[in-house]
Amino acid sequence: MSNNFLELIQNRRTIYAIGKNVKHDAVYLTGLIQNAIKQSPSSFNSQSSRAVILFGAQHEKFWNIVKDKLKSYAKDEESAAKTSAKMDSFIAGAGTVLFFEDMNVIQGLQENFPSYADNFPVWAEHSTAIAQFAVWTALHTDGLGASLQHYNPIVDEQVHAEWDIPQNWKLRAQLVFGSVEAPAAEKSYMSDADRFKVFQ
C-alpha cells in the first residue's frame, strides 16, 4: 500500500542527535510550526493549544533552566553527569517548541456544555497531542530531527516567569529540534494480532 501521508509519519522518528545546521531561518520555521498547530483539529474547534517557540539563546536558556532544576533530583554525581549530558544534547539543537493548553478555554467549555464537563480536560490532552504530532511531522518533512520531552511541571513556574506566560496556559510538552546529526535506531513493532481487532 502506497500512501504519502503514511510514509511521512513512518519516517518521522525520535532523533536525539541534533545540531544547529538548519537550512531554514527562524521566520520560515515559525510559520511552519504555527500553521501545523492551526491546522490541527480540536474538540468543539476549541483551538485550546498554545505554543512558545524558542530559537538560539532563548532555546538554550530553557534547557539550562531544566538542567539546573534537575541537579536537585540527582542521586549521585554519576546520575547528575548523565542528566547534564542529556540536557547538553538538547542545547545542541536549534530550537524548542513549548506546548501549552489554555485552561480558560477548557473551563469555558465546561461551563457552556456541563454534560461534557468531565471530558473537556481529556479532549484537551488529545488536542495538544495532535498539535505536537503535527509539528513534529512538519519539521521532519523539512529535514529536521526532533524529540518530544516532558519536563513539566518541575519548570513551569520558571518558564511562566521567564517568558511572561499567562497563568492560564498549562505546559504540556517540549519539542526540541535541529539538524539530524545521526539517524534514529531501528524501530520494532508488536504483532498486529495483539494490537488490532477487525470485524466485517
N, C-alpha and C. Protein backbone atom coordinates (compact mmCIF):
# COMPACT_ATOMS: atom_id res chain seq x y z
N MET A 1 0.84 -1.19 0.00
CA MET A 1 0.00 0.00 0.00
C MET A 1 0.88 1.25 0.00
N SER A 2 0.61 2.15 -0.95
CA SER A 2 1.38 3.38 -1.06
C SER A 2 0.51 4.55 -0.63
N ASN A 3 1.00 5.32 0.33
CA ASN A 3 0.27 6.47 0.84
C ASN A 3 1.29 7.48 1.33
N ASN A 4 1.31 8.67 0.74
CA ASN A 4 2.33 9.66 1.07
C ASN A 4 2.31 10.05 2.54
N PHE A 5 1.10 10.21 3.10
CA PHE A 5 1.00 10.61 4.50
C PHE A 5 1.57 9.52 5.41
N LEU A 6 1.21 8.26 5.13
CA LEU A 6 1.73 7.17 5.95
C LEU A 6 3.25 7.07 5.86
N GLU A 7 3.79 7.36 4.69
CA GLU A 7 5.24 7.34 4.53
C GLU A 7 5.89 8.43 5.38
N LEU A 8 5.26 9.59 5.42
CA LEU A 8 5.80 10.68 6.23
C LEU A 8 5.80 10.33 7.72
N ILE A 9 4.69 9.80 8.21
CA ILE A 9 4.64 9.52 9.65
C ILE A 9 5.46 8.28 10.01
N GLN A 10 5.66 7.40 9.04
CA GLN A 10 6.52 6.24 9.30
C GLN A 10 7.98 6.68 9.43
N ASN A 11 8.37 7.67 8.65
CA ASN A 11 9.75 8.14 8.68
C ASN A 11 10.02 9.17 9.77
N ARG A 12 8.95 9.73 10.34
CA ARG A 12 9.13 10.64 11.48
C ARG A 12 9.54 9.82 12.69
N ARG A 13 10.71 10.11 13.20
CA ARG A 13 11.25 9.33 14.31
C ARG A 13 11.78 10.26 15.40
N THR A 14 12.03 9.69 16.56
CA THR A 14 12.69 10.44 17.62
C THR A 14 14.17 10.52 17.30
N ILE A 15 14.66 11.74 17.14
CA ILE A 15 16.07 11.98 16.83
C ILE A 15 16.72 12.69 18.02
N TYR A 16 17.66 12.02 18.65
CA TYR A 16 18.34 12.61 19.80
C TYR A 16 19.61 13.35 19.41
N ALA A 17 20.26 12.93 18.33
CA ALA A 17 21.49 13.59 17.89
C ALA A 17 21.13 14.73 16.95
N ILE A 18 20.95 15.92 17.51
CA ILE A 18 20.56 17.07 16.71
C ILE A 18 21.62 18.16 16.80
N GLY A 19 21.60 19.06 15.81
CA GLY A 19 22.56 20.15 15.78
C GLY A 19 21.92 21.44 15.30
N LYS A 20 22.77 22.42 15.03
CA LYS A 20 22.30 23.75 14.63
C LYS A 20 22.44 23.97 13.13
N ASN A 21 22.76 22.93 12.37
CA ASN A 21 22.98 23.07 10.92
C ASN A 21 21.65 23.01 10.16
N VAL A 22 20.82 23.99 10.44
CA VAL A 22 19.47 24.03 9.87
C VAL A 22 19.45 25.01 8.70
N LYS A 23 18.90 24.57 7.57
CA LYS A 23 18.90 25.41 6.36
C LYS A 23 17.85 26.52 6.39
N HIS A 24 16.78 26.31 7.15
CA HIS A 24 15.71 27.31 7.20
C HIS A 24 15.94 28.29 8.34
N ASP A 25 15.49 29.54 8.12
CA ASP A 25 15.65 30.53 9.18
C ASP A 25 14.45 30.49 10.13
N ALA A 26 14.55 31.29 11.20
CA ALA A 26 13.53 31.29 12.25
C ALA A 26 12.17 31.74 11.72
N VAL A 27 12.16 32.65 10.76
CA VAL A 27 10.89 33.13 10.21
C VAL A 27 10.14 32.00 9.51
N TYR A 28 10.86 31.25 8.69
CA TYR A 28 10.24 30.13 7.98
C TYR A 28 9.75 29.08 8.97
N LEU A 29 10.59 28.72 9.93
CA LEU A 29 10.23 27.67 10.87
C LEU A 29 9.07 28.09 11.77
N THR A 30 9.04 29.36 12.14
CA THR A 30 7.91 29.86 12.93
C THR A 30 6.61 29.71 12.17
N GLY A 31 6.62 30.07 10.89
CA GLY A 31 5.42 29.92 10.07
C GLY A 31 4.99 28.48 9.93
N LEU A 32 5.97 27.59 9.76
CA LEU A 32 5.69 26.16 9.64
C LEU A 32 5.04 25.63 10.92
N ILE A 33 5.61 25.97 12.06
CA ILE A 33 5.11 25.50 13.35
C ILE A 33 3.71 26.06 13.63
N GLN A 34 3.55 27.34 13.39
CA GLN A 34 2.26 27.97 13.65
C GLN A 34 1.17 27.36 12.77
N ASN A 35 1.47 27.15 11.50
CA ASN A 35 0.46 26.61 10.59
C ASN A 35 0.11 25.17 10.95
N ALA A 36 1.11 24.38 11.36
CA ALA A 36 0.84 22.99 11.76
C ALA A 36 -0.11 22.96 12.95
N ILE A 37 0.06 23.87 13.89
CA ILE A 37 -0.82 23.92 15.06
C ILE A 37 -2.21 24.42 14.66
N LYS A 38 -2.25 25.44 13.81
CA LYS A 38 -3.54 25.99 13.37
C LYS A 38 -4.38 24.95 12.63
N GLN A 39 -3.73 24.06 11.89
CA GLN A 39 -4.44 23.05 11.11
C GLN A 39 -4.76 21.78 11.91
N SER A 40 -4.34 21.74 13.16
CA SER A 40 -4.60 20.56 13.99
C SER A 40 -6.01 20.62 14.56
N PRO A 41 -6.77 19.54 14.46
CA PRO A 41 -8.14 19.56 14.98
C PRO A 41 -8.20 19.57 16.50
N SER A 42 -9.30 20.10 17.02
CA SER A 42 -9.53 20.13 18.47
C SER A 42 -11.02 19.95 18.72
N SER A 43 -11.35 19.42 19.90
CA SER A 43 -12.76 19.18 20.22
C SER A 43 -13.53 20.50 20.23
N PHE A 44 -14.72 20.49 19.61
CA PHE A 44 -15.56 21.68 19.51
C PHE A 44 -14.84 22.84 18.82
N ASN A 45 -13.81 22.52 18.05
CA ASN A 45 -12.95 23.54 17.42
C ASN A 45 -12.49 24.56 18.47
N SER A 46 -12.14 24.05 19.65
CA SER A 46 -11.78 24.92 20.76
C SER A 46 -10.48 25.69 20.53
N GLN A 47 -9.58 25.13 19.71
CA GLN A 47 -8.28 25.76 19.42
C GLN A 47 -7.58 26.16 20.73
N SER A 48 -7.58 25.22 21.67
CA SER A 48 -7.03 25.49 23.00
C SER A 48 -5.51 25.38 23.06
N SER A 49 -4.88 24.85 22.02
CA SER A 49 -3.42 24.70 22.05
C SER A 49 -2.73 26.05 21.91
N ARG A 50 -1.67 26.21 22.67
CA ARG A 50 -0.83 27.41 22.62
C ARG A 50 0.62 26.96 22.49
N ALA A 51 1.46 27.83 21.98
CA ALA A 51 2.87 27.45 21.82
C ALA A 51 3.78 28.65 22.03
N VAL A 52 4.92 28.38 22.61
CA VAL A 52 6.01 29.35 22.70
C VAL A 52 7.17 28.74 21.92
N ILE A 53 7.67 29.47 20.94
CA ILE A 53 8.72 28.96 20.06
C ILE A 53 10.03 29.66 20.41
N LEU A 54 11.01 28.88 20.76
CA LEU A 54 12.30 29.41 21.21
C LEU A 54 13.40 29.06 20.23
N PHE A 55 14.19 30.05 19.85
CA PHE A 55 15.34 29.83 18.98
C PHE A 55 16.60 30.38 19.65
N GLY A 56 17.75 29.88 19.19
CA GLY A 56 19.04 30.44 19.62
C GLY A 56 19.22 30.48 21.12
N ALA A 57 19.59 31.66 21.61
CA ALA A 57 19.90 31.82 23.03
C ALA A 57 18.69 31.55 23.92
N GLN A 58 17.49 31.85 23.43
CA GLN A 58 16.29 31.58 24.22
C GLN A 58 16.04 30.09 24.37
N HIS A 59 16.27 29.36 23.29
CA HIS A 59 16.19 27.89 23.32
C HIS A 59 17.20 27.33 24.33
N GLU A 60 18.42 27.82 24.28
CA GLU A 60 19.45 27.35 25.20
C GLU A 60 19.12 27.71 26.64
N LYS A 61 18.54 28.88 26.83
CA LYS A 61 18.16 29.31 28.18
C LYS A 61 17.16 28.34 28.80
N PHE A 62 16.18 27.91 27.98
CA PHE A 62 15.19 26.97 28.51
C PHE A 62 15.84 25.70 29.00
N TRP A 63 16.71 25.10 28.20
CA TRP A 63 17.31 23.83 28.59
C TRP A 63 18.31 23.99 29.73
N ASN A 64 18.89 25.17 29.88
CA ASN A 64 19.74 25.41 31.05
C ASN A 64 18.90 25.54 32.31
N ILE A 65 17.69 26.07 32.19
CA ILE A 65 16.77 26.11 33.32
C ILE A 65 16.43 24.69 33.76
N VAL A 66 16.11 23.83 32.79
CA VAL A 66 15.80 22.43 33.10
C VAL A 66 17.02 21.76 33.73
N LYS A 67 18.17 22.01 33.13
CA LYS A 67 19.43 21.40 33.61
C LYS A 67 19.70 21.77 35.08
N ASP A 68 19.54 23.04 35.40
CA ASP A 68 19.76 23.48 36.79
C ASP A 68 18.74 22.88 37.74
N LYS A 69 17.50 22.80 37.28
CA LYS A 69 16.43 22.26 38.13
C LYS A 69 16.68 20.78 38.43
N LEU A 70 17.14 20.04 37.43
CA LEU A 70 17.33 18.60 37.60
C LEU A 70 18.49 18.25 38.53
N LYS A 71 19.39 19.19 38.75
CA LYS A 71 20.53 18.93 39.65
C LYS A 71 20.05 18.52 41.04
N SER A 72 18.95 19.11 41.47
CA SER A 72 18.45 18.81 42.82
C SER A 72 17.82 17.43 42.91
N TYR A 73 17.56 16.79 41.76
CA TYR A 73 16.95 15.46 41.74
C TYR A 73 18.00 14.36 41.59
N ALA A 74 19.22 14.72 41.32
CA ALA A 74 20.26 13.72 41.07
C ALA A 74 20.59 12.93 42.34
N LYS A 75 20.70 11.60 42.21
CA LYS A 75 21.00 10.74 43.35
C LYS A 75 22.48 10.76 43.71
N ASP A 76 23.32 10.92 42.68
CA ASP A 76 24.76 10.94 42.90
C ASP A 76 25.42 11.68 41.74
N GLU A 77 26.75 11.80 41.79
CA GLU A 77 27.48 12.55 40.76
C GLU A 77 27.36 11.90 39.39
N GLU A 78 27.32 10.57 39.37
CA GLU A 78 27.22 9.86 38.10
C GLU A 78 25.90 10.16 37.39
N SER A 79 24.81 10.09 38.14
CA SER A 79 23.50 10.37 37.54
C SER A 79 23.38 11.84 37.17
N ALA A 80 24.01 12.72 37.96
CA ALA A 80 23.99 14.15 37.66
C ALA A 80 24.72 14.43 36.35
N ALA A 81 25.85 13.76 36.16
CA ALA A 81 26.63 13.94 34.93
C ALA A 81 25.86 13.42 33.72
N LYS A 82 25.19 12.30 33.90
CA LYS A 82 24.40 11.71 32.80
C LYS A 82 23.26 12.64 32.40
N THR A 83 22.56 13.18 33.40
CA THR A 83 21.46 14.10 33.13
C THR A 83 21.97 15.37 32.47
N SER A 84 23.10 15.89 32.94
CA SER A 84 23.68 17.10 32.38
C SER A 84 24.04 16.90 30.90
N ALA A 85 24.59 15.73 30.59
CA ALA A 85 24.96 15.42 29.21
C ALA A 85 23.72 15.35 28.31
N LYS A 86 22.64 14.83 28.85
CA LYS A 86 21.39 14.75 28.09
C LYS A 86 20.87 16.15 27.79
N MET A 87 20.91 17.04 28.79
CA MET A 87 20.47 18.41 28.56
C MET A 87 21.35 19.11 27.54
N ASP A 88 22.66 18.83 27.58
CA ASP A 88 23.58 19.42 26.61
C ASP A 88 23.24 18.97 25.19
N SER A 89 22.74 17.74 25.05
CA SER A 89 22.36 17.24 23.72
C SER A 89 21.15 18.00 23.20
N PHE A 90 20.28 18.45 24.10
CA PHE A 90 19.14 19.26 23.68
C PHE A 90 19.59 20.69 23.36
N ILE A 91 20.49 21.22 24.16
CA ILE A 91 21.03 22.56 23.93
C ILE A 91 21.71 22.63 22.57
N ALA A 92 22.26 21.51 22.12
CA ALA A 92 22.95 21.47 20.83
C ALA A 92 22.02 21.69 19.66
N GLY A 93 20.70 21.59 19.89
CA GLY A 93 19.73 21.78 18.83
C GLY A 93 19.54 23.23 18.45
N ALA A 94 18.59 23.46 17.54
CA ALA A 94 18.36 24.81 17.01
C ALA A 94 17.19 25.52 17.66
N GLY A 95 16.25 24.76 18.20
CA GLY A 95 15.07 25.41 18.78
C GLY A 95 14.21 24.45 19.58
N THR A 96 13.23 25.02 20.25
CA THR A 96 12.30 24.25 21.07
C THR A 96 10.91 24.85 20.96
N VAL A 97 9.92 23.98 20.86
CA VAL A 97 8.53 24.43 20.91
C VAL A 97 7.96 23.99 22.25
N LEU A 98 7.50 24.94 23.04
CA LEU A 98 6.83 24.65 24.30
C LEU A 98 5.34 24.61 24.02
N PHE A 99 4.71 23.48 24.29
CA PHE A 99 3.28 23.31 24.04
C PHE A 99 2.49 23.53 25.33
N PHE A 100 1.45 24.33 25.22
CA PHE A 100 0.57 24.63 26.36
C PHE A 100 -0.87 24.37 25.96
N GLU A 101 -1.72 24.22 26.97
CA GLU A 101 -3.16 24.24 26.77
C GLU A 101 -3.73 25.41 27.58
N ASP A 102 -4.63 26.15 26.96
CA ASP A 102 -5.25 27.30 27.61
C ASP A 102 -6.40 26.81 28.49
N MET A 103 -6.20 26.82 29.79
CA MET A 103 -7.19 26.28 30.71
C MET A 103 -8.45 27.14 30.77
N ASN A 104 -8.35 28.42 30.42
CA ASN A 104 -9.55 29.27 30.39
C ASN A 104 -10.52 28.79 29.31
N VAL A 105 -9.96 28.36 28.17
CA VAL A 105 -10.80 27.84 27.10
C VAL A 105 -11.51 26.57 27.56
N ILE A 106 -10.77 25.71 28.21
CA ILE A 106 -11.32 24.43 28.68
C ILE A 106 -12.39 24.66 29.74
N GLN A 107 -12.12 25.55 30.67
CA GLN A 107 -13.10 25.86 31.71
C GLN A 107 -14.36 26.50 31.12
N GLY A 108 -14.18 27.33 30.08
CA GLY A 108 -15.32 27.94 29.42
C GLY A 108 -16.21 26.90 28.76
N LEU A 109 -15.59 25.90 28.14
CA LEU A 109 -16.35 24.82 27.53
C LEU A 109 -17.09 24.01 28.59
N GLN A 110 -16.43 23.79 29.72
CA GLN A 110 -17.08 23.05 30.80
C GLN A 110 -18.32 23.77 31.31
N GLU A 111 -18.23 25.10 31.37
CA GLU A 111 -19.37 25.89 31.83
C GLU A 111 -20.49 25.93 30.80
N ASN A 112 -20.12 26.01 29.53
CA ASN A 112 -21.11 26.12 28.46
C ASN A 112 -21.74 24.78 28.09
N PHE A 113 -21.01 23.70 28.33
CA PHE A 113 -21.51 22.37 27.99
C PHE A 113 -21.31 21.44 29.19
N PRO A 114 -22.08 21.66 30.26
CA PRO A 114 -21.86 20.91 31.52
C PRO A 114 -22.01 19.40 31.38
N SER A 115 -22.76 18.94 30.41
CA SER A 115 -22.92 17.49 30.23
C SER A 115 -21.59 16.82 29.86
N TYR A 116 -20.69 17.61 29.25
CA TYR A 116 -19.40 17.07 28.82
C TYR A 116 -18.24 17.55 29.71
N ALA A 117 -18.57 18.17 30.82
CA ALA A 117 -17.55 18.86 31.63
C ALA A 117 -16.35 17.98 31.97
N ASP A 118 -16.61 16.73 32.34
CA ASP A 118 -15.51 15.85 32.74
C ASP A 118 -14.62 15.46 31.56
N ASN A 119 -15.16 15.57 30.35
CA ASN A 119 -14.42 15.14 29.17
C ASN A 119 -13.49 16.20 28.60
N PHE A 120 -13.79 17.47 28.83
CA PHE A 120 -13.00 18.51 28.17
C PHE A 120 -11.51 18.49 28.53
N PRO A 121 -11.12 18.24 29.79
CA PRO A 121 -9.69 18.13 30.06
C PRO A 121 -9.03 16.97 29.32
N VAL A 122 -9.76 15.87 29.16
CA VAL A 122 -9.24 14.72 28.40
C VAL A 122 -9.11 15.08 26.94
N TRP A 123 -10.12 15.72 26.40
CA TRP A 123 -10.09 16.11 24.99
C TRP A 123 -9.00 17.15 24.72
N ALA A 124 -8.70 17.96 25.72
CA ALA A 124 -7.62 18.93 25.57
C ALA A 124 -6.28 18.23 25.42
N GLU A 125 -6.12 17.11 26.15
CA GLU A 125 -4.89 16.32 26.01
C GLU A 125 -4.81 15.73 24.60
N HIS A 126 -5.95 15.35 24.04
CA HIS A 126 -5.98 14.88 22.65
C HIS A 126 -5.52 16.00 21.71
N SER A 127 -6.05 17.19 21.95
CA SER A 127 -5.75 18.33 21.08
C SER A 127 -4.27 18.66 21.08
N THR A 128 -3.68 18.73 22.27
CA THR A 128 -2.25 19.07 22.32
C THR A 128 -1.40 17.96 21.72
N ALA A 129 -1.81 16.70 21.91
CA ALA A 129 -1.06 15.59 21.32
C ALA A 129 -1.08 15.66 19.80
N ILE A 130 -2.24 15.98 19.24
CA ILE A 130 -2.34 16.10 17.78
C ILE A 130 -1.47 17.26 17.29
N ALA A 131 -1.50 18.38 18.00
CA ALA A 131 -0.68 19.53 17.61
C ALA A 131 0.81 19.19 17.68
N GLN A 132 1.19 18.48 18.73
CA GLN A 132 2.60 18.07 18.87
C GLN A 132 3.02 17.17 17.72
N PHE A 133 2.17 16.21 17.40
CA PHE A 133 2.47 15.28 16.32
C PHE A 133 2.53 16.00 14.98
N ALA A 134 1.63 16.95 14.76
CA ALA A 134 1.61 17.70 13.50
C ALA A 134 2.88 18.51 13.32
N VAL A 135 3.30 19.19 14.38
CA VAL A 135 4.53 19.99 14.31
C VAL A 135 5.74 19.09 14.09
N TRP A 136 5.80 18.01 14.82
CA TRP A 136 6.91 17.05 14.72
C TRP A 136 7.03 16.53 13.29
N THR A 137 5.90 16.16 12.70
CA THR A 137 5.91 15.63 11.34
C THR A 137 6.25 16.71 10.33
N ALA A 138 5.73 17.92 10.53
CA ALA A 138 6.04 19.02 9.63
C ALA A 138 7.54 19.34 9.64
N LEU A 139 8.14 19.34 10.82
CA LEU A 139 9.58 19.57 10.91
C LEU A 139 10.35 18.46 10.20
N HIS A 140 9.88 17.24 10.38
CA HIS A 140 10.53 16.10 9.72
C HIS A 140 10.50 16.25 8.20
N THR A 141 9.36 16.69 7.66
CA THR A 141 9.24 16.81 6.21
C THR A 141 10.21 17.84 5.65
N ASP A 142 10.67 18.76 6.49
CA ASP A 142 11.66 19.75 6.05
C ASP A 142 13.08 19.36 6.46
N GLY A 143 13.25 18.08 6.82
CA GLY A 143 14.59 17.56 7.06
C GLY A 143 15.14 17.75 8.45
N LEU A 144 14.30 18.17 9.39
CA LEU A 144 14.78 18.37 10.76
C LEU A 144 14.47 17.16 11.63
N GLY A 145 15.28 16.96 12.64
CA GLY A 145 15.05 15.91 13.62
C GLY A 145 14.52 16.52 14.90
N ALA A 146 13.78 15.75 15.68
CA ALA A 146 13.20 16.27 16.91
C ALA A 146 12.93 15.15 17.90
N SER A 147 12.78 15.53 19.15
CA SER A 147 12.34 14.58 20.18
C SER A 147 11.40 15.31 21.13
N LEU A 148 10.39 14.60 21.58
CA LEU A 148 9.38 15.18 22.46
C LEU A 148 9.74 14.89 23.91
N GLN A 149 9.80 15.93 24.72
CA GLN A 149 10.21 15.82 26.11
C GLN A 149 9.10 16.33 27.03
N HIS A 150 9.19 15.91 28.30
CA HIS A 150 8.17 16.30 29.28
C HIS A 150 8.85 16.62 30.61
N TYR A 151 9.31 17.85 30.74
CA TYR A 151 9.92 18.29 31.99
C TYR A 151 8.98 19.20 32.77
N ASN A 152 7.74 19.22 32.38
CA ASN A 152 6.71 19.86 33.18
C ASN A 152 6.23 18.83 34.22
N PRO A 153 5.85 19.20 35.40
CA PRO A 153 5.66 20.58 35.86
C PRO A 153 6.85 21.16 36.63
N ILE A 154 7.99 20.48 36.64
CA ILE A 154 9.07 20.94 37.52
C ILE A 154 9.65 22.29 37.13
N VAL A 155 9.45 22.70 35.86
CA VAL A 155 9.99 24.00 35.44
C VAL A 155 8.88 25.01 35.12
N ASP A 156 7.65 24.65 35.39
CA ASP A 156 6.52 25.50 35.00
C ASP A 156 6.65 26.93 35.54
N GLU A 157 6.92 27.03 36.81
CA GLU A 157 6.97 28.36 37.45
C GLU A 157 8.03 29.24 36.81
N GLN A 158 9.21 28.68 36.57
CA GLN A 158 10.30 29.45 35.97
C GLN A 158 9.99 29.83 34.52
N VAL A 159 9.38 28.91 33.80
CA VAL A 159 9.02 29.18 32.40
C VAL A 159 8.01 30.32 32.33
N HIS A 160 6.99 30.28 33.17
CA HIS A 160 5.99 31.34 33.16
C HIS A 160 6.61 32.69 33.49
N ALA A 161 7.55 32.70 34.42
CA ALA A 161 8.18 33.96 34.82
C ALA A 161 9.14 34.46 33.74
N GLU A 162 9.94 33.57 33.19
CA GLU A 162 10.98 33.96 32.23
C GLU A 162 10.41 34.52 30.94
N TRP A 163 9.33 33.91 30.44
CA TRP A 163 8.79 34.33 29.14
C TRP A 163 7.40 34.98 29.28
N ASP A 164 7.05 35.39 30.48
CA ASP A 164 5.80 36.11 30.73
C ASP A 164 4.60 35.37 30.14
N ILE A 165 4.49 34.10 30.51
CA ILE A 165 3.42 33.24 30.02
C ILE A 165 2.17 33.44 30.87
N PRO A 166 1.01 33.59 30.26
CA PRO A 166 -0.23 33.71 31.06
C PRO A 166 -0.40 32.51 31.99
N GLN A 167 -0.87 32.77 33.19
CA GLN A 167 -1.02 31.71 34.18
C GLN A 167 -2.03 30.64 33.77
N ASN A 168 -2.95 31.00 32.89
CA ASN A 168 -3.95 30.02 32.45
C ASN A 168 -3.42 29.09 31.35
N TRP A 169 -2.18 29.31 30.90
CA TRP A 169 -1.55 28.39 29.96
C TRP A 169 -0.84 27.29 30.76
N LYS A 170 -1.21 26.05 30.51
CA LYS A 170 -0.62 24.91 31.22
C LYS A 170 0.38 24.20 30.32
N LEU A 171 1.63 24.12 30.76
CA LEU A 171 2.68 23.48 29.97
C LEU A 171 2.45 21.98 29.90
N ARG A 172 2.48 21.44 28.66
CA ARG A 172 2.21 20.02 28.47
C ARG A 172 3.39 19.24 27.89
N ALA A 173 4.24 19.86 27.07
CA ALA A 173 5.34 19.13 26.46
C ALA A 173 6.32 20.11 25.83
N GLN A 174 7.51 19.56 25.51
CA GLN A 174 8.55 20.36 24.88
C GLN A 174 9.13 19.57 23.71
N LEU A 175 9.08 20.16 22.51
CA LEU A 175 9.63 19.51 21.32
C LEU A 175 10.91 20.23 20.95
N VAL A 176 12.04 19.55 21.13
CA VAL A 176 13.33 20.13 20.80
C VAL A 176 13.74 19.64 19.41
N PHE A 177 14.25 20.55 18.57
CA PHE A 177 14.53 20.18 17.19
C PHE A 177 15.84 20.79 16.69
N GLY A 178 16.33 20.21 15.61
CA GLY A 178 17.55 20.71 14.99
C GLY A 178 17.91 19.85 13.79
N SER A 179 19.11 20.07 13.29
CA SER A 179 19.57 19.26 12.17
C SER A 179 19.81 17.82 12.63
N VAL A 180 19.62 16.87 11.72
CA VAL A 180 19.82 15.46 12.05
C VAL A 180 21.31 15.14 11.94
N GLU A 181 21.93 14.86 13.08
CA GLU A 181 23.36 14.57 13.13
C GLU A 181 23.65 13.08 13.17
N ALA A 182 22.64 12.27 13.48
CA ALA A 182 22.76 10.81 13.45
C ALA A 182 21.35 10.25 13.34
N PRO A 183 21.19 9.16 12.57
CA PRO A 183 19.84 8.61 12.38
C PRO A 183 19.29 7.95 13.63
N ALA A 184 17.99 7.74 13.63
CA ALA A 184 17.34 7.03 14.74
C ALA A 184 17.68 5.55 14.67
N ALA A 185 17.56 4.89 15.80
CA ALA A 185 17.79 3.44 15.84
C ALA A 185 16.63 2.73 15.17
N GLU A 186 16.82 1.46 14.86
CA GLU A 186 15.75 0.67 14.26
C GLU A 186 14.56 0.60 15.21
N LYS A 187 13.37 0.60 14.63
CA LYS A 187 12.16 0.55 15.43
C LYS A 187 11.49 -0.81 15.26
N SER A 188 11.08 -1.41 16.36
CA SER A 188 10.38 -2.69 16.29
C SER A 188 8.90 -2.46 16.54
N TYR A 189 8.08 -3.37 16.05
CA TYR A 189 6.63 -3.25 16.18
C TYR A 189 6.06 -4.51 16.80
N MET A 190 5.10 -4.35 17.67
CA MET A 190 4.42 -5.50 18.24
C MET A 190 3.52 -6.13 17.19
N SER A 191 3.10 -7.33 17.44
CA SER A 191 2.26 -8.07 16.49
C SER A 191 0.93 -7.36 16.27
N ASP A 192 0.51 -7.27 14.99
CA ASP A 192 -0.80 -6.70 14.67
C ASP A 192 -1.92 -7.46 15.37
N ALA A 193 -1.76 -8.78 15.49
CA ALA A 193 -2.79 -9.61 16.11
C ALA A 193 -3.01 -9.23 17.57
N ASP A 194 -1.95 -8.76 18.24
CA ASP A 194 -2.07 -8.36 19.63
C ASP A 194 -2.60 -6.94 19.80
N ARG A 195 -2.59 -6.19 18.71
CA ARG A 195 -2.91 -4.77 18.81
C ARG A 195 -4.25 -4.37 18.19
N PHE A 196 -4.68 -5.12 17.20
CA PHE A 196 -5.86 -4.73 16.46
C PHE A 196 -6.91 -5.84 16.40
N LYS A 197 -8.16 -5.42 16.33
CA LYS A 197 -9.28 -6.33 16.07
C LYS A 197 -10.09 -5.75 14.93
N VAL A 198 -10.40 -6.56 13.95
CA VAL A 198 -11.17 -6.11 12.78
C VAL A 198 -12.39 -6.98 12.62
N PHE A 199 -13.55 -6.35 12.46
CA PHE A 199 -14.80 -7.09 12.26
C PHE A 199 -15.47 -6.58 10.98
N GLN A 200 -15.98 -7.51 10.18
CA GLN A 200 -16.69 -7.10 8.97
C GLN A 200 -17.80 -8.07 8.62
